Amino acid sequence: METVSQRLRASILRGDLKPGDKLPSESGLTEQHKVSRTVIREAIASLRADGLVEVRHGVGVFVLTPRSNAANGAAGGLASGLGGLRHADPSRVSSIIEMLEVRAAIEIEAAGLAATRSSPAQQELIFECLDTMKQRIADGGPAIESDRAFHLAVADATNNPRFRELLEAIGRQMIPRALLQDDDNDVPPAGYLTQIHAEHADIASAIADGDEQAARDAMRLHLRGSQSRYRTLIRRG
């Protein structure tokens, strides 16, 4: 994944790929780089975490204008986005990455099932959680509980109660930044939270559209992107 993401990142930063350009399709990138679809998806997740591309479901992946810190990969964006977390204990961050991997195993499947099984009422609840998250961000408050409620609503939309049970068993650490913030007033900048909200919005839209693959991909991009952000935090540590 690192090789593919580095190649694409370099192309964007050199200007070979310009803002607004559409990347080749997933199958096209797979053929071009001679890697699996999973590697391509993780590379896109890494670029998205850096703010270098945006994913428009049903349309494609488009290049964004690089942020001033993009040349250093996700490092600058994570450090500024999570504020004081740049000094977090690496062992705690490693534990968070492990939990994100477990969540990916659970929630990617949950998102796919929710897209095919959810009722209109369940979809409405997912969007209510999304709206609450947006409002909390606009008010400058923590969005941790609305974030957690969103993921639980997706789990409920599978209509398999075991998904909620598994996520509830994870507890507070389900939302990583809750473990690293000193208190509820230690809120990441709105720009970082807006990115997180956009990732959730992609998941919600795919579920509402009944698009199983898009829902899985959106959840994968969100959770793998989170893993990438926290791995960068360890490297900077």
Protein backbone atom coordinates (compact mmCIF):
# COMPACT_ATOMS: atom_id res chain seq x y z
CA MET A 1 0.00 0.00 0.00
CA GLU A 2 2.79 2.43 0.88
CA THR A 3 4.35 2.15 -2.57
CA VAL A 4 1.08 2.83 -4.39
CA SER A 5 0.05 5.67 -2.10
CA GLN A 6 3.53 7.22 -2.35
CA ARG A 7 3.43 7.06 -6.14
CA LEU A 8 0.00 8.68 -6.30
CA ARG A 9 0.93 11.24 -3.65
CA ALA A 10 4.06 12.20 -5.55
CA SER A 11 2.07 12.58 -8.78
CA ILE A 12 -0.36 14.92 -7.02
CA LEU A 13 2.34 17.00 -5.33
CA ARG A 14 4.35 17.29 -8.57
CA GLY A 15 1.26 18.47 -10.39
CA ASP A 16 1.09 15.50 -12.74
CA LEU A 17 -2.38 14.97 -11.27
CA LYS A 18 -4.07 18.33 -10.88
CA PRO A 19 -6.95 19.42 -8.61
CA GLY A 20 -10.18 18.25 -10.16
CA ASP A 21 -8.59 15.39 -12.08
CA LYS A 22 -10.33 12.05 -11.76
CA LEU A 23 -8.19 9.05 -10.86
CA PRO A 24 -8.49 5.90 -12.95
CA SER A 25 -11.10 3.42 -11.82
CA GLU A 26 -10.27 0.90 -9.12
CA SER A 27 -9.79 -1.79 -11.75
CA GLY A 28 -7.65 0.61 -13.78
CA LEU A 29 -5.39 1.36 -10.82
CA THR A 30 -5.21 -2.35 -10.01
CA GLU A 31 -3.97 -3.09 -13.50
CA GLN A 32 -1.66 -0.08 -13.61
CA HIS A 33 0.10 -0.87 -10.32
CA LYS A 34 -0.20 -4.67 -10.50
CA VAL A 35 -1.68 -4.97 -7.02
CA SER A 36 -4.94 -6.18 -5.50
CA ARG A 37 -8.09 -4.12 -5.12
CA THR A 38 -7.57 -4.14 -1.35
CA VAL A 39 -4.17 -2.46 -1.76
CA ILE A 40 -5.72 0.20 -4.00
CA ARG A 41 -8.55 0.85 -1.54
CA GLU A 42 -6.09 1.27 1.32
CA ALA A 43 -3.94 3.58 -0.78
CA ILE A 44 -6.98 5.74 -1.55
CA ALA A 45 -7.86 5.74 2.16
CA SER A 46 -4.37 7.01 2.95
CA LEU A 47 -4.59 9.77 0.33
CA ARG A 48 -8.02 10.72 1.55
CA ALA A 49 -6.75 10.93 5.13
CA ASP A 50 -4.09 13.35 3.85
CA GLY A 51 -6.77 15.50 2.21
CA LEU A 52 -5.35 14.84 -1.25
CA VAL A 53 -8.41 13.20 -2.81
CA GLU A 54 -12.14 12.97 -2.27
CA VAL A 55 -14.36 10.01 -3.05
CA ARG A 56 -17.67 10.70 -4.77
CA HIS A 57 -19.64 7.50 -4.62
CA GLY A 58 -20.96 6.44 -7.96
CA VAL A 59 -18.74 9.00 -9.68
CA GLY A 60 -15.10 8.35 -8.80
CA VAL A 61 -12.07 9.61 -6.89
CA PHE A 62 -10.99 13.20 -7.54
CA VAL A 63 -7.79 15.09 -6.74
CA LEU A 64 -8.02 17.98 -4.28
CA THR A 65 -5.77 21.00 -3.89
CA PRO A 66 -2.92 19.81 -1.63
CA ARG A 67 -2.81 21.34 1.82
CA SER A 68 0.41 23.09 2.77
CA ASN A 69 1.43 20.13 4.94
CA ALA A 70 0.61 17.45 2.38
CA ALA A 71 4.22 17.02 1.32
CA ASN A 72 4.81 15.34 4.65
CA GLY A 73 1.94 12.92 4.11
CA ALA A 74 -0.74 12.65 6.76
CA ALA A 75 1.64 13.73 9.50
CA GLY A 76 0.90 17.45 9.48
CA GLY A 77 -2.83 16.98 9.08
CA LEU A 78 -3.02 14.53 11.95
CA ALA A 79 -0.86 16.54 14.29
CA SER A 80 -2.85 19.73 13.71
CA GLY A 81 -6.16 17.93 13.47
CA LEU A 82 -5.80 16.15 16.80
CA GLY A 83 -4.21 19.00 18.63
CA GLY A 84 -2.23 17.94 21.70
CA LEU A 85 -2.44 14.27 20.76
CA ARG A 86 0.92 14.55 19.01
CA HIS A 87 2.44 13.77 22.43
CA ALA A 88 0.26 10.72 23.05
CA ASP A 89 1.82 7.58 24.51
CA PRO A 90 2.79 5.39 21.50
CA SER A 91 1.67 2.24 23.33
CA ARG A 92 -1.82 3.67 23.71
CA VAL A 93 -1.92 4.66 20.06
CA SER A 94 -0.80 1.14 19.09
CA SER A 95 -3.68 -0.28 21.11
CA ILE A 96 -6.07 2.04 19.30
CA ILE A 97 -4.81 0.88 15.91
CA GLU A 98 -5.37 -2.74 16.97
CA MET A 99 -8.93 -1.90 18.00
CA LEU A 100 -9.55 -0.11 14.69
CA GLU A 101 -8.49 -3.28 12.88
CA VAL A 102 -11.02 -5.27 14.90
CA ARG A 103 -13.69 -2.68 14.22
CA ALA A 104 -12.96 -2.86 10.50
CA ALA A 105 -13.58 -6.61 10.57
CA ILE A 106 -16.95 -5.98 12.20
CA GLU A 107 -18.16 -2.73 10.72
CA ILE A 108 -17.31 -3.15 7.06
CA GLU A 109 -19.59 -6.18 7.04
CA ALA A 110 -22.17 -4.30 9.11
CA ALA A 111 -22.28 -1.44 6.61
CA GLY A 112 -22.84 -3.85 3.74
CA LEU A 113 -25.64 -5.64 5.55
CA ALA A 114 -27.22 -2.33 6.58
CA ALA A 115 -27.37 -1.29 2.93
CA THR A 116 -29.41 -4.38 2.05
CA ARG A 117 -31.47 -4.83 5.22
CA SER A 118 -32.14 -1.44 6.79
CA SER A 119 -35.64 -0.04 7.08
CA PRO A 120 -36.52 3.58 6.29
CA ALA A 121 -36.80 4.25 10.03
CA GLN A 122 -33.32 2.86 10.64
CA GLN A 123 -31.90 4.94 7.81
CA GLU A 124 -33.57 8.01 9.27
CA LEU A 125 -31.92 7.35 12.63
CA ILE A 126 -28.51 7.08 10.95
CA PHE A 127 -29.04 10.49 9.35
CA GLU A 128 -30.27 11.93 12.65
CA CYS A 129 -26.99 10.87 14.25
CA LEU A 130 -25.14 12.43 11.32
CA ASP A 131 -27.04 15.70 11.74
CA THR A 132 -26.34 15.74 15.48
CA MET A 133 -22.65 15.25 14.78
CA LYS A 134 -22.70 18.14 12.32
CA GLN A 135 -24.44 20.39 14.83
CA ARG A 136 -21.97 19.52 17.58
CA ILE A 137 -19.10 20.38 15.27
CA ALA A 138 -20.74 23.68 14.31
CA ASP A 139 -21.22 24.51 18.00
CA GLY A 140 -17.57 23.79 18.72
CA GLY A 141 -18.38 20.95 21.09
CA PRO A 142 -17.20 17.34 21.25
CA ALA A 143 -18.80 15.01 18.73
CA ILE A 144 -17.69 11.78 20.38
CA GLU A 145 -21.10 10.56 21.55
CA SER A 146 -22.82 11.38 18.26
CA ASP A 147 -19.98 9.59 16.45
CA ARG A 148 -20.49 6.50 18.60
CA ALA A 149 -24.27 6.70 18.19
CA PHE A 150 -23.83 6.76 14.41
CA HIS A 151 -21.84 3.53 14.37
CA LEU A 152 -24.30 1.85 16.71
CA ALA A 153 -27.17 2.94 14.46
CA VAL A 154 -25.43 1.32 11.49
CA ALA A 155 -24.98 -1.83 13.57
CA ASP A 156 -28.70 -1.82 14.43
CA ALA A 157 -29.55 -1.40 10.75
CA THR A 158 -28.09 -4.85 10.06
CA ASN A 159 -31.05 -6.26 12.01
CA ASN A 160 -28.59 -8.63 13.64
CA PRO A 161 -28.31 -7.69 17.35
CA ARG A 162 -24.88 -9.30 17.65
CA PHE A 163 -23.28 -6.39 15.80
CA ARG A 164 -24.43 -3.89 18.44
CA GLU A 165 -23.38 -6.27 21.20
CA LEU A 166 -19.88 -6.49 19.78
CA LEU A 167 -19.52 -2.73 19.42
CA GLU A 168 -20.93 -2.06 22.88
CA ALA A 169 -18.41 -4.52 24.29
CA ILE A 170 -15.64 -2.34 22.90
CA GLY A 171 -16.95 0.51 25.04
CA ARG A 172 -15.57 4.04 25.11
CA GLN A 173 -12.47 3.12 23.13
CA MET A 174 -14.73 2.59 20.13
CA ILE A 175 -14.05 6.27 19.30
CA PRO A 176 -10.24 6.54 19.50
CA ARG A 177 -9.89 10.24 20.19
CA ALA A 178 -12.00 9.78 23.35
CA LEU A 179 -9.09 7.87 24.88
CA LEU A 180 -6.43 10.42 23.99
CA GLN A 181 -8.15 13.70 24.80
CA ASP A 182 -7.46 15.06 28.26
CA ASP A 183 -11.11 15.99 28.76
CA ASP A 184 -14.32 16.68 26.87
CA ASN A 185 -13.21 20.26 26.28
CA ASP A 186 -10.15 19.11 24.34
CA VAL A 187 -11.87 19.29 20.96
CA PRO A 188 -9.97 18.82 17.68
CA PRO A 189 -10.22 21.70 15.18
CA ALA A 190 -13.39 21.89 13.14
CA GLY A 191 -11.53 21.10 9.91
CA TYR A 192 -10.50 17.69 11.18
CA LEU A 193 -13.99 16.93 12.50
CA THR A 194 -15.52 18.11 9.23
CA GLN A 195 -13.43 15.52 7.41
CA ILE A 196 -14.64 12.84 9.83
CA HIS A 197 -18.23 13.99 9.31
CA ALA A 198 -17.81 13.76 5.52
CA GLU A 199 -16.61 10.17 5.84
CA HIS A 200 -19.68 9.32 7.91
CA ALA A 201 -21.91 11.06 5.39
CA ASP A 202 -20.54 8.83 2.63
CA ILE A 203 -21.41 5.76 4.69
CA ALA A 204 -24.93 7.00 5.40
CA SER A 205 -25.60 7.88 1.76
CA ALA A 206 -24.43 4.48 0.51
CA ILE A 207 -26.66 2.70 3.02
CA ALA A 208 -29.64 4.84 2.08
CA ASP A 209 -28.98 4.09 -1.59
CA GLY A 210 -28.99 0.37 -0.85
CA ASP A 211 -25.53 0.10 -2.40
CA GLU A 212 -23.86 -2.73 -0.49
CA GLN A 213 -20.42 -2.37 -2.10
CA ALA A 214 -20.34 1.41 -1.74
CA ALA A 215 -21.33 1.09 1.92
CA ARG A 216 -18.52 -1.38 2.55
CA ASP A 217 -16.04 0.81 0.70
CA ALA A 218 -17.09 3.94 2.58
CA MET A 219 -16.75 2.22 5.95
CA ARG A 220 -13.42 0.74 4.88
CA LEU A 221 -12.11 4.14 3.80
CA HIS A 222 -13.22 5.65 7.10
CA LEU A 223 -11.68 3.02 9.38
CA ARG A 224 -8.54 2.43 7.32
CA GLY A 225 -8.11 6.19 7.07
CA SER A 226 -8.28 6.38 10.86
CA GLN A 227 -5.63 3.67 11.12
CA SER A 228 -3.42 5.65 8.76
CA ARG A 229 -3.84 8.82 10.81
CA TYR A 230 -2.87 7.10 14.05
CA ARG A 231 0.06 5.25 12.48
CA THR A 232 1.34 8.65 11.39
CA LEU A 233 1.01 9.84 14.97
CA ILE A 234 3.28 7.00 16.12
CA ARG A 235 5.84 7.77 13.41
CA ARG A 236 5.95 11.42 14.47
CA GLY A 237 6.22 10.36 18.12
